[in-house]
Protein backbone atom coordinates (compact mmCIF):
# COMPACT_ATOMS: atom_id res chain seq x y z
CA MET A 1 20.76 -15.06 -9.14
CA PHE A 2 23.75 -17.03 -7.94
CA LEU A 3 27.39 -16.14 -7.28
CA PRO A 4 29.95 -18.87 -6.56
CA ARG A 5 30.43 -18.99 -2.81
CA LYS A 6 34.07 -17.78 -2.86
CA ILE A 7 33.22 -14.71 -4.98
CA LEU A 8 30.23 -13.89 -2.76
CA GLU A 9 32.40 -14.38 0.33
CA GLU A 10 35.00 -11.95 -1.01
CA LYS A 11 32.36 -9.28 -1.65
CA LEU A 12 30.98 -9.66 1.85
CA ARG A 13 34.35 -9.72 3.58
CA ASN A 14 35.32 -6.52 1.75
CA MET A 15 32.16 -4.88 3.20
CA LEU A 16 33.16 -6.05 6.65
CA ALA A 17 36.72 -4.84 6.24
CA GLU A 18 35.46 -1.38 5.24
CA ASP A 19 33.42 -1.15 8.49
CA VAL A 20 36.02 -2.63 10.84
CA GLY A 21 38.92 -0.42 9.60
CA GLU A 22 41.98 -1.16 11.72
CA GLY A 23 40.01 -2.95 14.39
CA ASP A 24 36.91 -2.75 16.58
CA VAL A 25 38.43 -0.87 19.50
CA THR A 26 35.26 -0.90 21.61
CA THR A 27 34.84 -4.64 21.46
CA ALA A 28 38.59 -5.20 22.01
CA LEU A 29 38.46 -3.09 25.20
CA THR A 30 35.27 -4.51 26.63
CA VAL A 31 35.00 -8.14 25.58
CA PRO A 32 37.61 -10.64 26.75
CA ALA A 33 39.50 -12.62 24.10
CA GLY A 34 38.13 -16.14 23.89
CA ALA A 35 34.68 -15.26 25.22
CA THR A 36 31.83 -16.97 23.33
CA GLY A 37 28.14 -16.29 23.04
CA GLU A 38 24.96 -16.85 21.16
CA ALA A 39 22.93 -14.11 19.46
CA GLU A 40 19.53 -13.85 17.79
CA VAL A 41 18.80 -11.76 14.69
CA ARG A 42 15.12 -10.71 14.87
CA CYS A 43 12.88 -8.68 12.65
CA LYS A 44 11.11 -5.86 14.50
CA GLU A 45 8.45 -5.37 11.84
CA SER A 46 6.68 -7.56 9.35
CA GLY A 47 8.33 -8.00 5.93
CA VAL A 48 9.94 -10.25 3.42
CA ALA A 49 13.21 -11.97 4.33
CA ALA A 50 16.17 -11.33 2.02
CA GLY A 51 19.93 -11.63 2.49
CA LEU A 52 19.79 -14.87 4.46
CA GLU A 53 22.18 -16.67 2.09
CA GLU A 54 24.57 -13.75 2.25
CA ALA A 55 24.36 -13.63 6.03
CA LYS A 56 25.16 -17.34 6.30
CA VAL A 57 28.14 -17.08 3.95
CA LEU A 58 29.58 -14.09 5.79
CA LEU A 59 29.15 -15.48 9.28
CA GLU A 60 30.41 -18.99 8.44
CA SER A 61 33.46 -17.48 6.73
CA LEU A 62 34.28 -15.90 10.09
CA GLY A 63 34.09 -19.25 11.88
CA LEU A 64 30.66 -18.69 13.43
CA LYS A 65 27.90 -21.27 13.66
CA VAL A 66 24.70 -20.20 11.95
CA GLU A 67 21.12 -21.51 12.12
CA ALA A 68 18.69 -19.85 9.73
CA LEU A 69 15.06 -20.05 10.92
CA VAL A 70 13.56 -18.42 7.83
CA GLN A 71 14.37 -18.67 4.18
CA ASP A 72 15.00 -15.96 1.57
CA GLY A 73 11.61 -14.87 0.25
CA ASP A 74 9.67 -15.92 3.37
CA GLU A 75 7.14 -13.48 4.75
CA MET A 76 8.01 -12.73 8.38
CA LYS A 77 5.94 -11.53 11.30
CA LYS A 78 7.00 -8.79 13.69
CA GLY A 79 9.30 -10.24 16.36
CA GLN A 80 10.19 -13.38 14.43
CA VAL A 81 13.75 -14.73 14.88
CA MET A 82 15.51 -14.93 11.53
CA ILE A 83 18.90 -16.28 12.53
CA LYS A 84 20.66 -17.80 15.53
CA VAL A 85 24.41 -17.39 15.53
CA SER A 86 27.02 -18.55 18.02
CA GLY A 87 30.75 -18.50 18.47
CA ASP A 88 33.51 -16.06 19.30
CA ALA A 89 31.90 -13.02 20.97
CA ARG A 90 34.35 -10.48 19.58
CA THR A 91 33.67 -11.70 16.00
CA LEU A 92 29.95 -11.62 16.62
CA LEU A 93 29.98 -7.98 17.74
CA SER A 94 32.43 -6.77 15.12
CA SER A 95 30.40 -8.22 12.29
CA GLU A 96 27.00 -7.07 13.66
CA ARG A 97 26.58 -3.83 11.68
CA THR A 98 27.70 -5.24 8.38
CA LEU A 99 25.35 -8.17 8.83
CA LEU A 100 22.37 -5.99 9.81
CA ASN A 101 23.01 -3.38 7.09
CA LEU A 102 22.79 -6.11 4.43
CA LEU A 103 19.75 -7.78 5.91
CA CYS A 104 17.84 -4.55 6.61
CA ARG A 105 18.43 -3.20 3.08
CA MET A 106 17.78 -6.39 1.14
CA SER A 107 14.70 -7.26 3.22
CA GLY A 108 13.43 -3.69 2.81
CA ILE A 109 13.77 -3.88 -0.94
CA ALA A 110 12.16 -7.36 -1.04
CA THR A 111 9.29 -6.11 1.09
CA ILE A 112 8.30 -3.13 -1.07
CA THR A 113 8.66 -5.24 -4.18
CA ARG A 114 6.34 -7.89 -2.82
CA ARG A 115 3.73 -5.22 -1.94
CA LEU A 116 3.78 -3.92 -5.51
CA VAL A 117 3.62 -7.40 -7.00
CA LYS A 118 0.68 -8.24 -4.82
CA LYS A 119 -1.17 -5.12 -6.02
CA ILE A 120 -0.77 -6.33 -9.59
CA GLN A 121 -1.87 -9.83 -8.68
CA ARG A 122 -5.01 -8.64 -6.85
CA ALA A 123 -6.00 -6.73 -10.00
CA LYS A 124 -5.46 -9.94 -12.05
CA LEU A 125 -3.00 -8.24 -14.34
CA LYS A 126 0.11 -9.87 -15.87
CA THR A 127 2.27 -6.72 -15.75
CA ARG A 128 5.76 -7.29 -14.45
CA ILE A 129 7.22 -5.08 -11.71
CA ALA A 130 10.82 -4.27 -12.50
CA CYS A 131 13.51 -2.24 -10.84
CA THR A 132 16.04 0.01 -12.63
CA ARG A 133 19.81 0.46 -12.45
CA LYS A 134 19.38 3.08 -9.69
CA THR A 135 21.12 0.99 -7.11
CA ALA A 136 23.61 1.93 -4.40
CA PRO A 137 27.21 1.83 -5.69
CA GLY A 138 28.75 -1.51 -4.92
CA LEU A 139 25.43 -3.09 -3.96
CA LEU A 140 23.99 -3.83 -7.42
CA TYR A 141 24.05 -7.58 -7.01
CA PHE A 142 22.43 -7.44 -3.55
CA ASP A 143 19.81 -4.82 -4.50
CA LYS A 144 18.80 -6.76 -7.65
CA LYS A 145 18.68 -10.06 -5.81
CA ALA A 146 16.37 -8.55 -3.22
CA VAL A 147 13.99 -7.46 -5.98
CA LEU A 148 13.98 -11.01 -7.34
CA LEU A 149 13.24 -12.43 -3.86
CA GLY A 150 10.31 -9.99 -3.58
CA GLY A 151 8.83 -11.37 -6.80
CA GLY A 152 9.98 -8.55 -9.09
CA ASP A 153 12.00 -8.46 -12.32
CA THR A 154 15.65 -7.43 -12.10
CA HIS A 155 15.67 -5.69 -15.52
CA ARG A 156 19.27 -5.27 -16.71
CA LEU A 157 21.90 -6.41 -14.26
CA HIS A 158 24.76 -4.88 -16.22
CA LEU A 159 25.30 -2.82 -19.38
CA ASP A 160 26.18 -5.92 -21.36
CA ASP A 161 22.84 -7.62 -20.64
CA MET A 162 20.98 -6.05 -23.53
CA ILE A 163 20.98 -3.10 -25.86
CA LEU A 164 19.04 -0.18 -24.34
CA ILE A 165 19.00 2.85 -26.61
CA LYS A 166 18.29 6.02 -24.61
CA ASP A 167 17.89 9.70 -25.50
CA ASN A 168 21.61 10.46 -25.46
CA HIS A 169 22.37 7.60 -27.80
CA ILE A 170 19.75 8.94 -30.20
CA THR A 171 21.16 12.42 -29.96
CA MET A 172 24.56 11.08 -30.97
CA SER A 173 23.11 9.47 -34.10
CA LYS A 174 21.32 10.82 -37.19
CA SER A 175 17.90 9.64 -36.18
CA LEU A 176 15.95 7.13 -34.05
CA ARG A 177 15.58 4.76 -37.00
CA THR A 178 19.28 4.95 -37.90
CA VAL A 179 20.48 4.09 -34.38
CA ILE A 180 18.08 1.15 -34.16
CA LEU A 181 19.03 -0.24 -37.55
CA ASN A 182 22.76 0.05 -36.72
CA ALA A 183 22.23 -1.79 -33.47
CA ARG A 184 20.26 -4.54 -35.20
CA LYS A 185 22.89 -4.91 -37.87
CA ASN A 186 25.86 -5.26 -35.51
CA ALA A 187 24.42 -6.88 -32.38
CA SER A 188 24.67 -10.53 -31.49
CA PHE A 189 21.50 -12.55 -32.00
CA SER A 190 21.56 -13.15 -28.27
CA LYS A 191 20.89 -9.48 -27.36
CA LYS A 192 17.46 -7.95 -27.21
CA ILE A 193 17.08 -4.35 -28.25
CA GLU A 194 15.07 -1.87 -26.17
CA VAL A 195 14.63 1.78 -27.08
CA GLU A 196 13.46 4.67 -24.86
CA VAL A 197 10.92 6.95 -26.55
CA THR A 198 9.17 10.15 -25.37
CA ARG A 199 6.37 10.39 -27.95
CA ALA A 200 3.77 8.06 -29.43
CA ASP A 201 5.03 8.51 -32.99
CA GLU A 202 8.54 7.46 -31.78
CA ALA A 203 7.07 4.28 -30.33
CA LEU A 204 5.47 3.49 -33.68
CA GLU A 205 8.77 4.17 -35.53
CA ALA A 206 10.69 1.98 -33.08
CA ALA A 207 8.18 -0.89 -33.51
CA GLU A 208 8.44 -0.59 -37.32
CA ALA A 209 12.23 -0.76 -37.04
CA GLY A 210 12.00 -4.11 -35.25
CA VAL A 211 12.96 -3.46 -31.59
CA ASP A 212 12.04 -6.00 -28.97
CA VAL A 213 11.05 -3.71 -26.12
CA ILE A 214 9.84 -0.05 -26.16
CA MET A 215 10.24 2.04 -22.99
CA LEU A 216 7.60 4.72 -22.77
CA ASP A 217 9.54 7.31 -20.75
CA ASN A 218 7.50 9.73 -18.62
CA PHE A 219 4.29 8.99 -20.53
CA SER A 220 1.05 9.78 -18.78
CA PRO A 221 -1.52 6.95 -18.54
CA LYS A 222 -3.56 8.69 -21.28
CA GLN A 223 -0.49 8.87 -23.53
CA ILE A 224 0.20 5.18 -22.88
CA GLU A 225 -3.35 4.31 -23.78
CA LYS A 226 -3.08 6.21 -27.07
CA THR A 227 0.27 4.65 -27.90
CA VAL A 228 -1.14 1.16 -27.37
CA GLU A 229 -4.07 1.98 -29.63
CA ASP A 230 -1.69 3.30 -32.35
CA LEU A 231 0.38 0.10 -32.20
CA GLU A 232 -2.70 -2.06 -32.34
CA ARG A 233 -4.04 -0.20 -35.39
CA ALA A 234 -0.71 -0.69 -37.12
CA GLY A 235 -0.69 -4.41 -36.29
CA LEU A 236 2.54 -4.03 -34.30
CA ARG A 237 1.45 -4.37 -30.69
CA GLY A 238 2.09 -8.12 -30.65
CA ASN A 239 5.63 -7.60 -31.90
CA VAL A 240 6.98 -5.70 -28.92
CA LEU A 241 6.99 -5.58 -25.12
CA LEU A 242 5.93 -2.20 -23.67
CA GLU A 243 7.57 -0.83 -20.57
CA ALA A 244 6.33 2.22 -18.67
CA SER A 245 8.99 4.14 -16.71
CA GLY A 246 9.42 7.49 -15.15
CA GLY A 247 7.28 9.17 -12.46
CA ILE A 248 5.73 5.88 -11.39
CA LYS A 249 5.37 5.25 -7.66
CA ALA A 250 3.50 2.86 -5.43
CA GLU A 251 0.67 5.37 -5.13
CA ASN A 252 -0.01 5.63 -8.88
CA LEU A 253 1.20 2.21 -9.97
CA MET A 254 -2.22 0.92 -11.02
CA ASP A 255 -2.91 3.97 -13.19
CA PHE A 256 -0.09 2.70 -15.48
CA ALA A 257 -0.26 -1.07 -14.99
CA SER A 258 -3.92 -1.06 -16.11
CA LYS A 259 -3.07 0.32 -19.55
CA LYS A 260 -2.06 -2.94 -21.32
CA ILE A 261 1.53 -2.42 -20.34
CA ASP A 262 3.88 -5.47 -20.08
CA ILE A 263 6.42 -4.01 -17.62
CA VAL A 264 6.35 -1.17 -15.12
CA SER A 265 9.80 -0.15 -13.84
CA LEU A 266 10.20 1.92 -10.70
CA GLY A 267 13.49 3.47 -9.57
CA GLU A 268 12.18 3.92 -6.05
CA ILE A 269 12.29 0.20 -5.33
CA THR A 270 16.05 0.30 -4.94
CA GLU A 271 16.75 4.06 -4.99
CA SER A 272 14.78 5.01 -1.87
CA ALA A 273 13.43 1.84 -0.35
CA LYS A 274 12.86 1.92 3.38
CA THR A 275 15.05 -0.57 5.18
CA LEU A 276 13.34 -3.23 7.31
CA ASP A 277 13.94 -2.87 11.07
CA ILE A 278 16.11 -5.80 12.13
CA ASN A 279 18.34 -6.14 15.16
CA MET A 280 20.79 -8.53 16.81
CA LYS A 281 20.90 -9.26 20.56
CA ILE A 282 23.31 -11.44 22.52
CA CYS A 283 20.90 -13.84 24.25
CA ARG A 284 23.29 -16.20 25.93
CA VAL A 285 26.91 -16.05 27.13
CA LEU A 286 28.53 -19.42 26.62
CA ASN A 287 31.98 -18.76 27.93
CA LYS A 288 32.55 -15.52 29.78
CA ARG A 289 36.26 -15.12 30.28
CA LEU A 290 37.82 -12.38 32.33
CA PHE A 291 40.56 -10.02 31.19
């Protein structure tokens, strides 16, 4: 994932503006204008680094000097320094929380994603770990990029990425087959079609109608196993990708991934991921001016 620097910079500066409000009164009253310093951003627990590019863009846009000691996607040890940043002390302190919020959230998402991906790899399965669109409002790009850095699949980034027919779309149409055929007839060749089903017979119907991906929504592992068998008997299994979604967590991931599924999507990766503990400390005062 890549945003042009100016667009990314605008997103990040808007985040900072939201936090700063009309000004950082604490810093203005306690730190002399013109004072300069150096700070270290350090991870306080092991995890996967994410958000380094964004951190660099934000800090450099504020006139600060940045030295990144890890790269996005690197696995970090507890206590490792991620970034050294120096420059105007007031700017350093006023941007601290925005910087850390982004790094903590993105690194937390990347960390849980990497753990799940490694589970799959240890079992020698080819199943993809994907997130969903359950992201924090305004943070879709950053949440999805963190998943990618953790080794997962971003799934849809936006509603225009692909055609995903869900239960409410089917309700608004005459039938499952009708809504699929209408989508196939009118869609661009460039758009894949995925359909969400809740029963094995719907999966068979969707495959017969020519969809590219079938989402098995809230299927149990046994139901998935039966559906795969039905598709294999009908000679349709090789025509579609199968995605398991709904009720899947880190604890029961392998129960689903082991059932000849191509994709497992988990909302919890972005919806309720634990942030990684990261802090920033001023480690050196370069120019301590008095009021």
